[in-house]
Amino acid sequence: ITGSFNTAKAVEDVLQKANPTLSSAKVRSMVTSELGCSTPQIIDNGDFTELELLHVARMIAAGKKSFCGSNCLSPQVVVLSKQWKQKDLFREKLMEELKRQPTTPCYYPGSVDKNKSLVYDCKQFGSKCTRIVAPSVSEGTKVSDSDHVVVVECGTPGEEGFNAQPLLVEAFGPTLSIIELDPEQDEDEMYLANTAVPFLNDKGNIFGSLSCSVFTPKSKGSYERETVQKVLSTLNYGTVAINQMNLFGYSTAALGGIWGGHSLETLDQSGNGNIGDLYGIVGNNAAKVVVYGPSLESKPVIDSASLPPPVILDIVREFVCTDSILKGMGNALALVISRTFYGTISYLPIVGRFVARK
């Protein structure tokens, strides 16, 4: 099943009542669930070029604004170092991208009310909340104030005024929070491993373990350096994307990878078990997916302000959601032929008359 943490628990409760002789562990094993996460976007403490900062902001904004944030892998918490010299410049880039990329309506039942309540509580707490108004996704689509992203400044853990609430619940809507972690020492190279990872792995600090993204600049070296590999291996998330949108972890389930919460997260906040593993490589072993992106100087694949035509996205889907390249090519070719055929006959007069008579 997929849904919220409460949904999964309700299903397990029904199974337990129907099977009172079974242990809770046995009932739990009967349910495979993919639930939510307060998905963190972790920015390294280093020297980014302005182009790199722009592309990080563009990816986070695109992920947040997709389906108005109503999906299980929507970015929710931007994690910065309090000592990072470029944090204010990055905020500017992020706000510009949230304003540039269009807003879609919140379609999911209860999403608007849940996020209104969350933002209201944050304002009452004293957190700075900024609503970023953007154009609608299309001329014929109406959006309200409640559909636009609200950025919540949560502060620094351990300091007066820190607001942890937006980290401890899945927003499942247009709320994006920013926190600043304070390293014990001024150490750029070890910030991620010594400060960010321990904070995020503690589920008393942040909800869920489904997926996350880590962004690190080219100036700090390659992905193969020991400090980065340590971060990728120790972050307890089912998918860890580096310099890439975490949503691409989901597509790996159709390519032999897995999708689900991290196996060491025993609270089941992001669910139990996983999907995928088409080739039986993972089995019952603990595993995660690591998605490597290109250099941050490369233009992001997804920009909700300039999406490719729907047919291109459908062709990409046919290539991704298949067990062989040859089969994917065949499916894509069939899709193009059928779309071309039906698109052509829709302009023929006889078809137009037939449609009018119906």
Foldseek 3Di string as FASTA:
>chain_A
DEEAPVVVVVVLVVVCVVPVVDDSVVSQVVDFYFYAWQAEAEEAQDDADLLLLLQSLQLLLLQCQVLQLQDRQRHAEYEAAPPRPCVVVSVVSNLVQLAEFAHEANPDPPLLVLLVVVVVVLVVLPWDKDFRDHHHLDPPGDYDSSSTAIETEQEEPPDPRGDQVSFLDRSSHRYHYYYHYYDPDPDRLQCLVRTVQVQQQPNVRGFFAFEYEYEYAPVVDDCPDPNNVNNVVRRQHQEYEYLARRVVQVLCLLAQGWGWGFPVPPVQSRGDDIGHNPVVPCPPHGDHHYHYDDHSSDRHPDRNSDDDPPLVVVLVCLCSNDHDNVRSVVVNVVSVVVCVVVVVVCPDVVVVVVVVVD
